[in-house]
Amino acid sequence: MAQITIDINGKPYVIGCEDGQEAHLTEIAGVFDQQVRQIAGEVGTLTEARLFLMAALMMADDLTDTRNRLVKAQGEAARYATDINRIEQNSAKALDNAARKIEALVHRAVGSTEPV
């Protein structure tokens, strides 16, 4: 198990993580640090626990909003896929009907009853 040191609001924390996950943990710690610093700047002096709690709640709120938007987008994508499928089927039918009409016109024009 790897250990890294992350900085949150100017304080170092040693965190354990799975080998190979160091860069990812550093990245998400940076996101959390930004949130903590923003809240600290807006609210002022809070205990570390309250500051971290507020940051976590705000990030959870953002995550929930993002998940809700994703579910909505997935629903819209499914509807679009259904529409595309219906349009493709209608287009194929229209092309088939057009081909039959063209064949009929060709047969009439050449005076033949055999298919071309």
PDB file of N, CA and C in Angstrom:
ATOM      1  N   MET A   1       0.836  -1.171   0.000  1.00  0.00           N
ATOM      2  CA  MET A   1       0.000   0.000   0.000  1.00  0.00           C
ATOM      3  C   MET A   1       0.884   1.238   0.000  1.00  0.00           C
ATOM      4  N   ALA A   2       0.545   2.164  -0.881  1.00  0.00           N
ATOM      5  CA  ALA A   2       1.317   3.404  -1.009  1.00  0.00           C
ATOM      6  C   ALA A   2       0.807   4.437  -0.013  1.00  0.00           C
ATOM      7  N   GLN A   3       1.641   5.392   0.296  1.00  0.00           N
ATOM      8  CA  GLN A   3       1.251   6.524   1.125  1.00  0.00           C
ATOM      9  C   GLN A   3       1.698   7.798   0.435  1.00  0.00           C
ATOM     10  N   ILE A   4       0.838   8.792   0.464  1.00  0.00           N
ATOM     11  CA  ILE A   4       1.180  10.093  -0.093  1.00  0.00           C
ATOM     12  C   ILE A   4       0.798  11.165   0.912  1.00  0.00           C
ATOM     13  N   THR A   5       1.359  12.323   0.728  1.00  0.00           N
ATOM     14  CA  THR A   5       0.997  13.464   1.551  1.00  0.00           C
ATOM     15  C   THR A   5       0.218  14.439   0.687  1.00  0.00           C
ATOM     16  N   ILE A   6      -0.968  14.781   1.164  1.00  0.00           N
ATOM     17  CA  ILE A   6      -1.791  15.764   0.460  1.00  0.00           C
ATOM     18  C   ILE A   6      -1.920  16.991   1.351  1.00  0.00           C
ATOM     19  N   ASP A   7      -2.153  18.136   0.745  1.00  0.00           N
ATOM     20  CA  ASP A   7      -2.362  19.368   1.494  1.00  0.00           C
ATOM     21  C   ASP A   7      -3.806  19.808   1.335  1.00  0.00           C
ATOM     22  N   ILE A   8      -4.476  19.989   2.477  1.00  0.00           N
ATOM     23  CA  ILE A   8      -5.834  20.499   2.485  1.00  0.00           C
ATOM     24  C   ILE A   8      -5.841  21.754   3.346  1.00  0.00           C
ATOM     25  N   ASN A   9      -6.169  22.865   2.730  1.00  0.00           N
ATOM     26  CA  ASN A   9      -6.226  24.157   3.418  1.00  0.00           C
ATOM     27  C   ASN A   9      -4.913  24.471   4.133  1.00  0.00           C
ATOM     28  N   GLY A  10      -3.815  24.134   3.477  1.00  0.00           N
ATOM     29  CA  GLY A  10      -2.495  24.457   4.005  1.00  0.00           C
ATOM     30  C   GLY A  10      -1.947  23.487   5.029  1.00  0.00           C
ATOM     31  N   LYS A  11      -2.663  22.394   5.295  1.00  0.00           N
ATOM     32  CA  LYS A  11      -2.179  21.412   6.267  1.00  0.00           C
ATOM     33  C   LYS A  11      -1.888  20.094   5.559  1.00  0.00           C
ATOM     34  N   PRO A  12      -0.757  19.468   5.892  1.00  0.00           N
ATOM     35  CA  PRO A  12      -0.424  18.189   5.247  1.00  0.00           C
ATOM     36  C   PRO A  12      -1.130  17.015   5.953  1.00  0.00           C
ATOM     37  N   TYR A  13      -1.548  16.061   5.144  1.00  0.00           N
ATOM     38  CA  TYR A  13      -2.173  14.835   5.648  1.00  0.00           C
ATOM     39  C   TYR A  13      -1.546  13.659   4.912  1.00  0.00           C
ATOM     40  N   VAL A  14      -1.116  12.658   5.671  1.00  0.00           N
ATOM     41  CA  VAL A  14      -0.573  11.442   5.068  1.00  0.00           C
ATOM     42  C   VAL A  14      -1.740  10.484   4.873  1.00  0.00           C
ATOM     43  N   ILE A  15      -1.896  10.045   3.636  1.00  0.00           N
ATOM     44  CA  ILE A  15      -3.024   9.200   3.253  1.00  0.00           C
ATOM     45  C   ILE A  15      -2.500   7.927   2.603  1.00  0.00           C
ATOM     46  N   GLY A  16      -3.077   6.801   2.977  1.00  0.00           N
ATOM     47  CA  GLY A  16      -2.751   5.541   2.320  1.00  0.00           C
ATOM     48  C   GLY A  16      -3.675   5.312   1.136  1.00  0.00           C
ATOM     49  N   CYS A  17      -3.143   4.653   0.129  1.00  0.00           N
ATOM     50  CA  CYS A  17      -3.949   4.327  -1.051  1.00  0.00           C
ATOM     51  C   CYS A  17      -3.355   3.095  -1.719  1.00  0.00           C
ATOM     52  N   GLU A  18      -4.127   2.522  -2.616  1.00  0.00           N
ATOM     53  CA  GLU A  18      -3.635   1.380  -3.370  1.00  0.00           C
ATOM     54  C   GLU A  18      -2.488   1.823  -4.268  1.00  0.00           C
ATOM     55  N   ASP A  19      -1.555   0.927  -4.466  1.00  0.00           N
ATOM     56  CA  ASP A  19      -0.443   1.221  -5.374  1.00  0.00           C
ATOM     57  C   ASP A  19      -0.996   1.605  -6.746  1.00  0.00           C
ATOM     58  N   GLY A  20      -0.444   2.632  -7.325  1.00  0.00           N
ATOM     59  CA  GLY A  20      -0.872   3.093  -8.639  1.00  0.00           C
ATOM     60  C   GLY A  20      -1.975   4.136  -8.595  1.00  0.00           C
ATOM     61  N   GLN A  21      -2.548   4.374  -7.427  1.00  0.00           N
ATOM     62  CA  GLN A  21      -3.637   5.335  -7.301  1.00  0.00           C
ATOM     63  C   GLN A  21      -3.184   6.704  -6.782  1.00  0.00           C
ATOM     64  N   GLU A  22      -1.882   6.867  -6.624  1.00  0.00           N
ATOM     65  CA  GLU A  22      -1.340   8.090  -6.034  1.00  0.00           C
ATOM     66  C   GLU A  22      -1.740   9.342  -6.816  1.00  0.00           C
ATOM     67  N   ALA A  23      -1.597   9.301  -8.120  1.00  0.00           N
ATOM     68  CA  ALA A  23      -1.921  10.480  -8.939  1.00  0.00           C
ATOM     69  C   ALA A  23      -3.402  10.809  -8.849  1.00  0.00           C
ATOM     70  N   HIS A  24      -4.233   9.796  -8.881  1.00  0.00           N
ATOM     71  CA  HIS A  24      -5.686  10.018  -8.789  1.00  0.00           C
ATOM     72  C   HIS A  24      -6.055  10.623  -7.438  1.00  0.00           C
ATOM     73  N   LEU A  25      -5.497  10.084  -6.381  1.00  0.00           N
ATOM     74  CA  LEU A  25      -5.782  10.608  -5.042  1.00  0.00           C
ATOM     75  C   LEU A  25      -5.296  12.046  -4.918  1.00  0.00           C
ATOM     76  N   THR A  26      -4.141  12.340  -5.465  1.00  0.00           N
ATOM     77  CA  THR A  26      -3.617  13.712  -5.447  1.00  0.00           C
ATOM     78  C   THR A  26      -4.568  14.651  -6.192  1.00  0.00           C
ATOM     79  N   GLU A  27      -5.086  14.192  -7.320  1.00  0.00           N
ATOM     80  CA  GLU A  27      -6.008  15.011  -8.111  1.00  0.00           C
ATOM     81  C   GLU A  27      -7.294  15.300  -7.344  1.00  0.00           C
ATOM     82  N   ILE A  28      -7.915  14.273  -6.778  1.00  0.00           N
ATOM     83  CA  ILE A  28      -9.176  14.505  -6.073  1.00  0.00           C
ATOM     84  C   ILE A  28      -8.952  15.277  -4.773  1.00  0.00           C
ATOM     85  N   ALA A  29      -7.794  15.118  -4.154  1.00  0.00           N
ATOM     86  CA  ALA A  29      -7.473  15.912  -2.971  1.00  0.00           C
ATOM     87  C   ALA A  29      -7.373  17.384  -3.356  1.00  0.00           C
ATOM     88  N   GLY A  30      -6.854  17.668  -4.533  1.00  0.00           N
ATOM     89  CA  GLY A  30      -6.781  19.047  -5.016  1.00  0.00           C
ATOM     90  C   GLY A  30      -8.166  19.650  -5.205  1.00  0.00           C
ATOM     91  N   VAL A  31      -9.100  18.850  -5.710  1.00  0.00           N
ATOM     92  CA  VAL A  31     -10.476  19.314  -5.885  1.00  0.00           C
ATOM     93  C   VAL A  31     -11.088  19.624  -4.519  1.00  0.00           C
ATOM     94  N   PHE A  32     -10.872  18.722  -3.565  1.00  0.00           N
ATOM     95  CA  PHE A  32     -11.402  18.930  -2.217  1.00  0.00           C
ATOM     96  C   PHE A  32     -10.754  20.152  -1.571  1.00  0.00           C
ATOM     97  N   ASP A  33      -9.460  20.319  -1.755  1.00  0.00           N
ATOM     98  CA  ASP A  33      -8.758  21.469  -1.192  1.00  0.00           C
ATOM     99  C   ASP A  33      -9.335  22.772  -1.732  1.00  0.00           C
ATOM    100  N   GLN A  34      -9.624  22.819  -3.033  1.00  0.00           N
ATOM    101  CA  GLN A  34     -10.228  24.025  -3.617  1.00  0.00           C
ATOM    102  C   GLN A  34     -11.568  24.336  -2.960  1.00  0.00           C
ATOM    103  N   GLN A  35     -12.366  23.296  -2.740  1.00  0.00           N
ATOM    104  CA  GLN A  35     -13.684  23.484  -2.127  1.00  0.00           C
ATOM    105  C   GLN A  35     -13.528  23.990  -0.700  1.00  0.00           C
ATOM    106  N   VAL A  36     -12.615  23.396   0.058  1.00  0.00           N
ATOM    107  CA  VAL A  36     -12.382  23.800   1.445  1.00  0.00           C
ATOM    108  C   VAL A  36     -11.905  25.246   1.492  1.00  0.00           C
ATOM    109  N   ARG A  37     -10.978  25.597   0.631  1.00  0.00           N
ATOM    110  CA  ARG A  37     -10.447  26.970   0.622  1.00  0.00           C
ATOM    111  C   ARG A  37     -11.518  27.988   0.243  1.00  0.00           C
ATOM    112  N   GLN A  38     -12.379  27.614  -0.692  1.00  0.00           N
ATOM    113  CA  GLN A  38     -13.467  28.512  -1.085  1.00  0.00           C
ATOM    114  C   GLN A  38     -14.394  28.769   0.100  1.00  0.00           C
ATOM    115  N   ILE A  39     -14.772  27.719   0.788  1.00  0.00           N
ATOM    116  CA  ILE A  39     -15.667  27.863   1.940  1.00  0.00           C
ATOM    117  C   ILE A  39     -14.987  28.654   3.044  1.00  0.00           C
ATOM    118  N   ALA A  40     -13.722  28.358   3.298  1.00  0.00           N
ATOM    119  CA  ALA A  40     -12.987  29.082   4.339  1.00  0.00           C
ATOM    120  C   ALA A  40     -12.938  30.573   4.009  1.00  0.00           C
ATOM    121  N   GLY A  41     -12.790  30.904   2.738  1.00  0.00           N
ATOM    122  CA  GLY A  41     -12.761  32.305   2.333  1.00  0.00           C
ATOM    123  C   GLY A  41     -14.103  32.995   2.469  1.00  0.00           C
ATOM    124  N   GLU A  42     -15.173  32.251   2.242  1.00  0.00           N
ATOM    125  CA  GLU A  42     -16.518  32.824   2.297  1.00  0.00           C
ATOM    126  C   GLU A  42     -17.067  32.896   3.721  1.00  0.00           C
ATOM    127  N   VAL A  43     -16.813  31.856   4.507  1.00  0.00           N
ATOM    128  CA  VAL A  43     -17.433  31.726   5.822  1.00  0.00           C
ATOM    129  C   VAL A  43     -16.539  32.260   6.935  1.00  0.00           C
ATOM    130  N   GLY A  44     -15.266  32.133   6.741  1.00  0.00           N
ATOM    131  CA  GLY A  44     -14.351  32.582   7.790  1.00  0.00           C
ATOM    132  C   GLY A  44     -13.904  31.424   8.653  1.00  0.00           C
ATOM    133  N   THR A  45     -13.682  31.717   9.926  1.00  0.00           N
ATOM    134  CA  THR A  45     -13.106  30.741  10.838  1.00  0.00           C
ATOM    135  C   THR A  45     -14.130  29.677  11.243  1.00  0.00           C
ATOM    136  N   LEU A  46     -13.799  28.444  10.969  1.00  0.00           N
ATOM    137  CA  LEU A  46     -14.585  27.276  11.384  1.00  0.00           C
ATOM    138  C   LEU A  46     -13.610  26.235  11.902  1.00  0.00           C
ATOM    139  N   THR A  47     -14.121  25.309  12.681  1.00  0.00           N
ATOM    140  CA  THR A  47     -13.259  24.194  13.064  1.00  0.00           C
ATOM    141  C   THR A  47     -12.961  23.386  11.813  1.00  0.00           C
ATOM    142  N   GLU A  48     -11.880  22.662  11.855  1.00  0.00           N
ATOM    143  CA  GLU A  48     -11.500  21.849  10.701  1.00  0.00           C
ATOM    144  C   GLU A  48     -12.602  20.861  10.346  1.00  0.00           C
ATOM    145  N   ALA A  49     -13.192  20.250  11.355  1.00  0.00           N
ATOM    146  CA  ALA A  49     -14.250  19.259  11.097  1.00  0.00           C
ATOM    147  C   ALA A  49     -15.450  19.906  10.413  1.00  0.00           C
ATOM    148  N   ARG A  50     -15.876  21.073  10.871  1.00  0.00           N
ATOM    149  CA  ARG A  50     -17.019  21.754  10.255  1.00  0.00           C
ATOM    150  C   ARG A  50     -16.687  22.223   8.840  1.00  0.00           C
ATOM    151  N   LEU A  51     -15.481  22.707   8.665  1.00  0.00           N
ATOM    152  CA  LEU A  51     -15.046  23.147   7.343  1.00  0.00           C
ATOM    153  C   LEU A  51     -15.064  21.976   6.367  1.00  0.00           C
ATOM    154  N   PHE A  52     -14.512  20.846   6.789  1.00  0.00           N
ATOM    155  CA  PHE A  52     -14.490  19.656   5.935  1.00  0.00           C
ATOM    156  C   PHE A  52     -15.908  19.147   5.696  1.00  0.00           C
ATOM    157  N   LEU A  53     -16.754  19.196   6.729  1.00  0.00           N
ATOM    158  CA  LEU A  53     -18.134  18.741   6.579  1.00  0.00           C
ATOM    159  C   LEU A  53     -18.874  19.607   5.565  1.00  0.00           C
ATOM    160  N   MET A  54     -18.740  20.902   5.662  1.00  0.00           N
ATOM    161  CA  MET A  54     -19.410  21.798   4.715  1.00  0.00           C
ATOM    162  C   MET A  54     -18.916  21.547   3.291  1.00  0.00           C
ATOM    163  N   ALA A  55     -17.615  21.376   3.138  1.00  0.00           N
ATOM    164  CA  ALA A  55     -17.064  21.102   1.807  1.00  0.00           C
ATOM    165  C   ALA A  55     -17.606  19.784   1.265  1.00  0.00           C
ATOM    166  N   ALA A  56     -17.649  18.769   2.092  1.00  0.00           N
ATOM    167  CA  ALA A  56     -18.155  17.461   1.655  1.00  0.00           C
ATOM    168  C   ALA A  56     -19.627  17.548   1.271  1.00  0.00           C
ATOM    169  N   LEU A  57     -20.420  18.290   2.059  1.00  0.00           N
ATOM    170  CA  LEU A  57     -21.841  18.436   1.733  1.00  0.00           C
ATOM    171  C   LEU A  57     -22.045  19.194   0.429  1.00  0.00           C
ATOM    172  N   MET A  58     -21.269  20.230   0.211  1.00  0.00           N
ATOM    173  CA  MET A  58     -21.397  20.976  -1.041  1.00  0.00           C
ATOM    174  C   MET A  58     -20.988  20.119  -2.237  1.00  0.00           C
ATOM    175  N   MET A  59     -19.947  19.324  -2.065  1.00  0.00           N
ATOM    176  CA  MET A  59     -19.519  18.444  -3.155  1.00  0.00           C
ATOM    177  C   MET A  59     -20.556  17.348  -3.392  1.00  0.00           C
ATOM    178  N   ALA A  60     -21.169  16.850  -2.314  1.00  0.00           N
ATOM    179  CA  ALA A  60     -22.223  15.842  -2.469  1.00  0.00           C
ATOM    180  C   ALA A  60     -23.426  16.443  -3.201  1.00  0.00           C
ATOM    181  N   ASP A  61     -23.730  17.695  -2.911  1.00  0.00           N
ATOM    182  CA  ASP A  61     -24.818  18.381  -3.603  1.00  0.00           C
ATOM    183  C   ASP A  61     -24.507  18.498  -5.101  1.00  0.00           C
ATOM    184  N   ASP A  62     -23.292  18.902  -5.423  1.00  0.00           N
ATOM    185  CA  ASP A  62     -22.876  18.985  -6.831  1.00  0.00           C
ATOM    186  C   ASP A  62     -22.950  17.623  -7.505  1.00  0.00           C
ATOM    187  N   LEU A  63     -22.507  16.587  -6.801  1.00  0.00           N
ATOM    188  CA  LEU A  63     -22.540  15.236  -7.351  1.00  0.00           C
ATOM    189  C   LEU A  63     -23.967  14.790  -7.624  1.00  0.00           C
ATOM    190  N   THR A  64     -24.874  15.081  -6.697  1.00  0.00           N
ATOM    191  CA  THR A  64     -26.279  14.713  -6.874  1.00  0.00           C
ATOM    192  C   THR A  64     -26.873  15.434  -8.078  1.00  0.00           C
ATOM    193  N   ASP A  65     -26.588  16.737  -8.205  1.00  0.00           N
ATOM    194  CA  ASP A  65     -27.072  17.483  -9.372  1.00  0.00           C
ATOM    195  C   ASP A  65     -26.528  16.888 -10.663  1.00  0.00           C
ATOM    196  N   THR A  66     -25.248  16.548 -10.671  1.00  0.00           N
ATOM    197  CA  THR A  66     -24.622  15.969 -11.861  1.00  0.00           C
ATOM    198  C   THR A  66     -25.250  14.625 -12.207  1.00  0.00           C
ATOM    199  N   ARG A  67     -25.484  13.798 -11.201  1.00  0.00           N
ATOM    200  CA  ARG A  67     -26.128  12.494 -11.452  1.00  0.00           C
ATOM    201  C   ARG A  67     -27.524  12.680 -12.009  1.00  0.00           C
ATOM    202  N   ASN A  68     -28.283  13.635 -11.470  1.00  0.00           N
ATOM    203  CA  ASN A  68     -29.633  13.885 -11.977  1.00  0.00           C
ATOM    204  C   ASN A  68     -29.603  14.346 -13.425  1.00  0.00           C
ATOM    205  N   ARG A  69     -28.648  15.215 -13.764  1.00  0.00           N
ATOM    206  CA  ARG A  69     -28.512  15.658 -15.156  1.00  0.00           C
ATOM    207  C   ARG A  69     -28.123  14.492 -16.062  1.00  0.00           C
ATOM    208  N   LEU A  70     -27.271  13.602 -15.555  1.00  0.00           N
ATOM    209  CA  LEU A  70     -26.864  12.441 -16.340  1.00  0.00           C
ATOM    210  C   LEU A  70     -28.055  11.526 -16.617  1.00  0.00           C
ATOM    211  N   VAL A  71     -28.868  11.273 -15.609  1.00  0.00           N
ATOM    212  CA  VAL A  71     -30.054  10.425 -15.794  1.00  0.00           C
ATOM    213  C   VAL A  71     -30.985  11.054 -16.830  1.00  0.00           C
ATOM    214  N   LYS A  72     -31.171  12.375 -16.742  1.00  0.00           N
ATOM    215  CA  LYS A  72     -32.020  13.066 -17.707  1.00  0.00           C
ATOM    216  C   LYS A  72     -31.423  12.956 -19.113  1.00  0.00           C
ATOM    217  N   ALA A  73     -30.114  13.159 -19.236  1.00  0.00           N
ATOM    218  CA  ALA A  73     -29.456  13.071 -20.545  1.00  0.00           C
ATOM    219  C   ALA A  73     -29.539  11.654 -21.107  1.00  0.00           C
ATOM    220  N   GLN A  74     -29.412  10.651 -20.244  1.00  0.00           N
ATOM    221  CA  GLN A  74     -29.521   9.270 -20.715  1.00  0.00           C
ATOM    222  C   GLN A  74     -30.924   8.984 -21.234  1.00  0.00           C
ATOM    223  N   GLY A  75     -31.939   9.531 -20.559  1.00  0.00           N
ATOM    224  CA  GLY A  75     -33.313   9.367 -21.024  1.00  0.00           C
ATOM    225  C   GLY A  75     -33.516  10.018 -22.378  1.00  0.00           C
ATOM    226  N   GLU A  76     -32.981  11.222 -22.528  1.00  0.00           N
ATOM    227  CA  GLU A  76     -33.086  11.917 -23.813  1.00  0.00           C
ATOM    228  C   GLU A  76     -32.346  11.149 -24.906  1.00  0.00           C
ATOM    229  N   ALA A  77     -31.180  10.619 -24.582  1.00  0.00           N
ATOM    230  CA  ALA A  77     -30.414   9.841 -25.565  1.00  0.00           C
ATOM    231  C   ALA A  77     -31.193   8.602 -25.998  1.00  0.00           C
ATOM    232  N   ALA A  78     -31.866   7.962 -25.050  1.00  0.00           N
ATOM    233  CA  ALA A  78     -32.663   6.777 -25.384  1.00  0.00           C
ATOM    234  C   ALA A  78     -33.822   7.159 -26.302  1.00  0.00           C
ATOM    235  N   ARG A  79     -34.459   8.297 -26.016  1.00  0.00           N
ATOM    236  CA  ARG A  79     -35.546   8.761 -26.883  1.00  0.00           C
ATOM    237  C   ARG A  79     -35.024   9.090 -28.285  1.00  0.00           C
ATOM    238  N   TYR A  80     -33.862   9.727 -28.353  1.00  0.00           N
ATOM    239  CA  TYR A  80     -33.277  10.042 -29.660  1.00  0.00           C
ATOM    240  C   TYR A  80     -32.942   8.762 -30.422  1.00  0.00           C
ATOM    241  N   ALA A  81     -32.426   7.761 -29.724  1.00  0.00           N
ATOM    242  CA  ALA A  81     -32.096   6.491 -30.377  1.00  0.00           C
ATOM    243  C   ALA A  81     -33.357   5.849 -30.938  1.00  0.00           C
ATOM    244  N   THR A  82     -34.447   5.914 -30.173  1.00  0.00           N
ATOM    245  CA  THR A  82     -35.721   5.371 -30.641  1.00  0.00           C
ATOM    246  C   THR A  82     -36.205   6.142 -31.866  1.00  0.00           C
ATOM    247  N   ASP A  83     -36.094   7.468 -31.813  1.00  0.00           N
ATOM    248  CA  ASP A  83     -36.497   8.297 -32.959  1.00  0.00           C
ATOM    249  C   ASP A  83     -35.663   7.964 -34.189  1.00  0.00           C
ATOM    250  N   ILE A  84     -34.367   7.819 -34.005  1.00  0.00           N
ATOM    251  CA  ILE A  84     -33.479   7.496 -35.124  1.00  0.00           C
ATOM    252  C   ILE A  84     -33.860   6.151 -35.730  1.00  0.00           C
ATOM    253  N   ASN A  85     -34.135   5.169 -34.889  1.00  0.00           N
ATOM    254  CA  ASN A  85     -34.529   3.847 -35.370  1.00  0.00           C
ATOM    255  C   ASN A  85     -35.824   3.938 -36.184  1.00  0.00           C
ATOM    256  N   ARG A  86     -36.795   4.687 -35.664  1.00  0.00           N
ATOM    257  CA  ARG A  86     -38.064   4.852 -36.372  1.00  0.00           C
ATOM    258  C   ARG A  86     -37.848   5.552 -37.712  1.00  0.00           C
ATOM    259  N   ILE A  87     -37.018   6.589 -37.720  1.00  0.00           N
ATOM    260  CA  ILE A  87     -36.735   7.326 -38.961  1.00  0.00           C
ATOM    261  C   ILE A  87     -36.031   6.420 -39.967  1.00  0.00           C
ATOM    262  N   GLU A  88     -35.080   5.613 -39.495  1.00  0.00           N
ATOM    263  CA  GLU A  88     -34.383   4.693 -40.397  1.00  0.00           C
ATOM    264  C   GLU A  88     -35.353   3.682 -41.002  1.00  0.00           C
ATOM    265  N   GLN A  89     -36.270   3.155 -40.190  1.00  0.00           N
ATOM    266  CA  GLN A  89     -37.252   2.187 -40.704  1.00  0.00           C
ATOM    267  C   GLN A  89     -38.171   2.849 -41.727  1.00  0.00           C
ATOM    268  N   ASN A  90     -38.623   4.065 -41.413  1.00  0.00           N
ATOM    269  CA  ASN A  90     -39.489   4.779 -42.361  1.00  0.00           C
ATOM    270  C   ASN A  90     -38.745   5.107 -43.654  1.00  0.00           C
ATOM    271  N   SER A  91     -37.481   5.465 -43.530  1.00  0.00           N
ATOM    272  CA  SER A  91     -36.673   5.760 -44.718  1.00  0.00           C
ATOM    273  C   SER A  91     -36.499   4.514 -45.572  1.00  0.00           C
ATOM    274  N   ALA A  92     -36.248   3.391 -44.932  1.00  0.00           N
ATOM    275  CA  ALA A  92     -36.081   2.137 -45.678  1.00  0.00           C
ATOM    276  C   ALA A  92     -37.370   1.774 -46.405  1.00  0.00           C
ATOM    277  N   LYS A  93     -38.519   1.958 -45.753  1.00  0.00           N
ATOM    278  CA  LYS A  93     -39.805   1.678 -46.397  1.00  0.00           C
ATOM    279  C   LYS A  93     -40.025   2.618 -47.579  1.00  0.00           C
ATOM    280  N   ALA A  94     -39.705   3.894 -47.383  1.00  0.00           N
ATOM    281  CA  ALA A  94     -39.887   4.870 -48.465  1.00  0.00           C
ATOM    282  C   ALA A  94     -39.000   4.529 -49.655  1.00  0.00           C
ATOM    283  N   LEU A  95     -37.751   4.146 -49.394  1.00  0.00           N
ATOM    284  CA  LEU A  95     -36.843   3.760 -50.481  1.00  0.00           C
ATOM    285  C   LEU A  95     -37.349   2.512 -51.198  1.00  0.00           C
ATOM    286  N   ASP A  96     -37.854   1.561 -50.431  1.00  0.00           N
ATOM    287  CA  ASP A  96     -38.386   0.335 -51.032  1.00  0.00           C
ATOM    288  C   ASP A  96     -39.585   0.667 -51.915  1.00  0.00           C
ATOM    289  N   ASN A  97     -40.473   1.511 -51.413  1.00  0.00           N
ATOM    290  CA  ASN A  97     -41.647   1.910 -52.217  1.00  0.00           C
ATOM    291  C   ASN A  97     -41.212   2.663 -53.467  1.00  0.00           C
ATOM    292  N   ALA A  98     -40.230   3.543 -53.343  1.00  0.00           N
ATOM    293  CA  ALA A  98     -39.734   4.293 -54.498  1.00  0.00           C
ATOM    294  C   ALA A  98     -39.125   3.343 -55.527  1.00  0.00           C
ATOM    295  N   ALA A  99     -38.371   2.354 -55.064  1.00  0.00           N
ATOM    296  CA  ALA A  99     -37.765   1.385 -55.980  1.00  0.00           C
ATOM    297  C   ALA A  99     -38.837   0.596 -56.718  1.00  0.00           C
ATOM    298  N   ARG A 100     -39.889   0.211 -56.021  1.00  0.00           N
ATOM    299  CA  ARG A 100     -40.990  -0.528 -56.678  1.00  0.00           C
ATOM    300  C   ARG A 100     -41.671   0.341 -57.732  1.00  0.00           C
ATOM    301  N   LYS A 101     -41.884   1.591 -57.409  1.00  0.00           N
ATOM    302  CA  LYS A 101     -42.528   2.492 -58.373  1.00  0.00           C
ATOM    303  C   LYS A 101     -41.637   2.700 -59.594  1.00  0.00           C
ATOM    304  N   ILE A 102     -40.354   2.846 -59.383  1.00  0.00           N
ATOM    305  CA  ILE A 102     -39.418   3.016 -60.503  1.00  0.00           C
ATOM    306  C   ILE A 102     -39.413   1.769 -61.371  1.00  0.00           C
ATOM    307  N   GLU A 103     -39.394   0.593 -60.741  1.00  0.00           N
ATOM    308  CA  GLU A 103     -39.433  -0.651 -61.512  1.00  0.00           C
ATOM    309  C   GLU A 103     -40.715  -0.740 -62.330  1.00  0.00           C
ATOM    310  N   ALA A 104     -41.832  -0.342 -61.723  1.00  0.00           N
ATOM    311  CA  ALA A 104     -43.109  -0.390 -62.456  1.00  0.00           C
ATOM    312  C   ALA A 104     -43.090   0.567 -63.642  1.00  0.00           C
ATOM    313  N   LEU A 105     -42.527   1.750 -63.439  1.00  0.00           N
ATOM    314  CA  LEU A 105     -42.429   2.704 -64.545  1.00  0.00           C
ATOM    315  C   LEU A 105     -41.531   2.179 -65.659  1.00  0.00           C
ATOM    316  N   VAL A 106     -40.428   1.566 -65.268  1.00  0.00           N
ATOM    317  CA  VAL A 106     -39.515   0.998 -66.263  1.00  0.00           C
ATOM    318  C   VAL A 106     -40.218  -0.096 -67.049  1.00  0.00           C
ATOM    319  N   HIS A 107     -40.951  -0.948 -66.360  1.00  0.00           N
ATOM    320  CA  HIS A 107     -41.661  -2.039 -67.059  1.00  0.00           C
ATOM    321  C   HIS A 107     -42.695  -1.491 -68.036  1.00  0.00           C
ATOM    322  N   ARG A 108     -43.382  -0.451 -67.616  1.00  0.00           N
ATOM    323  CA  ARG A 108     -44.375   0.151 -68.517  1.00  0.00           C
ATOM    324  C   ARG A 108     -43.693   0.806 -69.719  1.00  0.00           C
ATOM    325  N   ALA A 109     -42.587   1.448 -69.447  1.00  0.00           N
ATOM    326  CA  ALA A 109     -41.892   2.163 -70.524  1.00  0.00           C
ATOM    327  C   ALA A 109     -41.340   1.215 -71.570  1.00  0.00           C
ATOM    328  N   VAL A 110     -40.835   0.067 -71.166  1.00  0.00           N
ATOM    329  CA  VAL A 110     -40.262  -0.867 -72.144  1.00  0.00           C
ATOM    330  C   VAL A 110     -41.277  -1.882 -72.614  1.00  0.00           C
ATOM    331  N   GLY A 111     -42.463  -1.863 -72.014  1.00  0.00           N
ATOM    332  CA  GLY A 111     -43.516  -2.766 -72.421  1.00  0.00           C
ATOM    333  C   GLY A 111     -43.244  -4.206 -72.055  1.00  0.00           C
ATOM    334  N   SER A 112     -42.550  -4.405 -70.971  1.00  0.00           N
ATOM    335  CA  SER A 112     -42.202  -5.768 -70.572  1.00  0.00           C
ATOM    336  C   SER A 112     -42.899  -6.097 -69.267  1.00  0.00           C
ATOM    337  N   THR A 113     -43.125  -7.388 -69.054  1.00  0.00           N
ATOM    338  CA  THR A 113     -43.706  -7.817 -67.769  1.00  0.00           C
ATOM    339  C   THR A 113     -42.671  -8.521 -66.916  1.00  0.00           C
ATOM    340  N   GLU A 114     -41.474  -8.671 -67.482  1.00  0.00           N
ATOM    341  CA  GLU A 114     -40.396  -9.316 -66.703  1.00  0.00           C
ATOM    342  C   GLU A 114     -39.721  -8.271 -65.798  1.00  0.00           C
ATOM    343  N   PRO A 115     -39.331  -8.696 -64.580  1.00  0.00           N
ATOM    344  CA  PRO A 115     -38.632  -7.753 -63.702  1.00  0.00           C
ATOM    345  C   PRO A 115     -37.275  -7.386 -64.281  1.00  0.00           C
ATOM    346  N   VAL A 116     -36.841  -6.179 -64.011  1.00  0.00           N
ATOM    347  CA  VAL A 116     -35.552  -5.689 -64.506  1.00  0.00           C
ATOM    348  C   VAL A 116     -34.463  -6.135 -63.579  1.00  0.00           C
TER     349      VAL A 116
END
